[in-house]
Amino acid sequence: MASSSSSAAMRELQRELETKANDLSKLQKGKLSTHALILALTLQSSNISKNHQVRKKYTIQLGENELVLKELDLLREDANVFKLIGPVLVKQDLAEANANVRKRIDYISAELYVYNTLLDNYCFHFI
């Protein structure tokens, strides 16, 4: 579910970016007013701000998950590992816990790459 909402958000950001790039192209050809340029720059600034907030959240999550992975690596094979599900601690196999954390790290890293690429595109189109 998070992946589909993230994909939808990415598509929306991409559409907005394309619109802004088209507006800039028209402006460079003298077809847009100063008011339209100010509006485009304001929207672009808003997009960059949203992008920064999402990247900050993912960066924090990545650090937390990397710390958890380091702690899991310190455990012996027979150690008890528990996962908090709602208000309940559920026993989990160490190998399964390791695999889950690695998958989360891969997912978060991929999302960070996407948002960093979007930020590069935002900056590229308005330089």
Protein backbone atom coordinates (compact mmCIF):
# COMPACT_ATOMS: atom_id res chain seq x y z
CA MET A 1 0.00 0.00 0.00
CA ALA A 2 2.85 2.39 0.85
CA SER A 3 4.44 1.54 -2.47
CA SER A 4 1.30 2.40 -4.44
CA SER A 5 0.84 5.70 -2.61
CA SER A 6 4.51 6.44 -3.12
CA SER A 7 4.18 5.60 -6.82
CA ALA A 8 1.13 7.83 -7.13
CA ALA A 9 2.95 10.64 -5.39
CA MET A 10 5.91 10.14 -7.70
CA ARG A 11 3.67 10.29 -10.78
CA GLU A 12 2.02 13.45 -9.49
CA LEU A 13 5.38 15.08 -8.78
CA GLN A 14 6.60 14.05 -12.24
CA ARG A 15 3.50 15.58 -13.87
CA GLU A 16 4.02 18.80 -11.95
CA LEU A 17 7.66 18.83 -12.93
CA GLU A 18 6.81 18.38 -16.60
CA THR A 19 4.23 21.16 -16.37
CA LYS A 20 6.79 23.48 -14.80
CA ALA A 21 9.37 22.57 -17.42
CA ASN A 22 6.84 23.33 -20.17
CA ASP A 23 5.96 26.64 -18.51
CA LEU A 24 9.62 27.55 -18.32
CA SER A 25 10.11 26.65 -21.96
CA LYS A 26 7.16 28.88 -22.92
CA LEU A 27 8.52 31.65 -20.75
CA GLN A 28 11.87 31.42 -22.46
CA LYS A 29 10.03 31.82 -25.75
CA GLY A 30 8.28 34.91 -24.36
CA LYS A 31 4.81 33.35 -24.04
CA LEU A 32 4.30 33.63 -20.27
CA SER A 33 3.83 36.67 -18.10
CA THR A 34 5.88 37.57 -15.06
CA HIS A 35 2.93 36.57 -12.90
CA ALA A 36 2.99 33.07 -14.39
CA LEU A 37 6.72 32.82 -13.74
CA ILE A 38 6.25 33.81 -10.09
CA LEU A 39 3.49 31.24 -9.75
CA ALA A 40 5.65 28.54 -11.35
CA LEU A 41 8.58 29.35 -9.07
CA THR A 42 6.34 29.35 -6.00
CA LEU A 43 4.94 25.94 -6.92
CA GLN A 44 8.44 24.67 -7.63
CA SER A 45 9.59 25.89 -4.22
CA SER A 46 6.66 24.08 -2.64
CA ASN A 47 7.57 20.86 -4.48
CA ILE A 48 11.17 21.13 -3.35
CA SER A 49 10.00 21.66 0.24
CA LYS A 50 7.74 18.58 0.08
CA ASN A 51 10.58 16.58 -1.46
CA HIS A 52 12.90 17.66 1.35
CA GLN A 53 10.41 16.59 4.02
CA VAL A 54 9.98 13.14 2.47
CA ARG A 55 13.74 12.70 2.01
CA LYS A 56 14.32 13.71 5.64
CA LYS A 57 11.78 11.11 6.83
CA TYR A 58 13.38 8.38 4.70
CA THR A 59 16.89 9.36 5.80
CA ILE A 60 15.88 9.04 9.46
CA GLN A 61 14.21 5.68 8.81
CA LEU A 62 17.28 4.46 6.93
CA GLY A 63 19.54 5.34 9.85
CA GLU A 64 17.22 3.63 12.33
CA ASN A 65 17.05 0.46 10.23
CA GLU A 66 20.82 0.38 9.72
CA LEU A 67 21.23 0.62 13.50
CA VAL A 68 18.77 -2.25 14.01
CA LEU A 69 20.67 -4.33 11.45
CA LYS A 70 23.97 -3.71 13.30
CA GLU A 71 22.33 -4.78 16.55
CA LEU A 72 20.89 -7.92 14.94
CA ASP A 73 24.35 -8.78 13.59
CA LEU A 74 25.69 -8.75 17.17
CA LEU A 75 23.23 -11.46 18.29
CA ARG A 76 23.98 -15.17 18.48
CA GLU A 77 21.98 -17.53 16.27
CA ASP A 78 19.96 -18.82 19.24
CA ALA A 79 19.02 -15.35 20.53
CA ASN A 80 15.38 -14.46 21.02
CA VAL A 81 14.14 -11.67 18.75
CA PHE A 82 10.75 -10.06 19.18
CA LYS A 83 8.76 -7.86 16.84
CA LEU A 84 6.27 -5.31 18.14
CA ILE A 85 2.95 -5.77 16.37
CA GLY A 86 0.42 -3.37 17.82
CA PRO A 87 0.56 -3.79 21.60
CA VAL A 88 1.98 -7.35 21.40
CA LEU A 89 5.57 -8.60 21.18
CA VAL A 90 5.74 -11.57 18.80
CA LYS A 91 8.73 -13.90 18.71
CA GLN A 92 10.52 -13.84 15.37
CA ASP A 93 13.29 -15.93 13.88
CA LEU A 94 16.64 -14.08 13.74
CA ALA A 95 17.14 -14.86 10.06
CA GLU A 96 13.64 -13.61 9.25
CA ALA A 97 14.21 -10.43 11.26
CA ASN A 98 17.52 -9.86 9.42
CA ALA A 99 15.84 -10.40 6.05
CA ASN A 100 12.98 -8.02 6.90
CA VAL A 101 15.32 -5.24 8.00
CA ARG A 102 17.47 -5.67 4.88
CA LYS A 103 14.35 -5.46 2.69
CA ARG A 104 13.31 -2.26 4.46
CA ILE A 105 16.78 -0.80 3.96
CA ASP A 106 16.66 -1.67 0.26
CA TYR A 107 13.19 -0.15 -0.11
CA ILE A 108 14.08 3.04 1.74
CA SER A 109 17.34 3.41 -0.21
CA ALA A 110 15.43 3.04 -3.49
CA GLU A 111 12.88 5.65 -2.42
CA LEU A 112 15.66 8.04 -1.40
CA TYR A 113 17.27 7.57 -4.80
CA VAL A 114 13.98 8.46 -6.51
CA TYR A 115 13.44 11.58 -4.42
CA ASN A 116 17.07 12.68 -4.85
CA THR A 117 16.67 12.28 -8.62
CA LEU A 118 13.47 14.34 -8.51
CA LEU A 119 15.28 17.05 -6.56
CA ASP A 120 18.07 17.07 -9.14
CA ASN A 121 15.42 17.45 -11.87
CA TYR A 122 13.75 20.33 -10.02
CA CYS A 123 17.04 22.16 -9.69
CA PHE A 124 18.12 21.38 -13.25
CA HIS A 125 14.96 22.85 -14.79
CA PHE A 126 15.25 26.13 -12.92
CA ILE A 127 18.95 26.85 -13.23
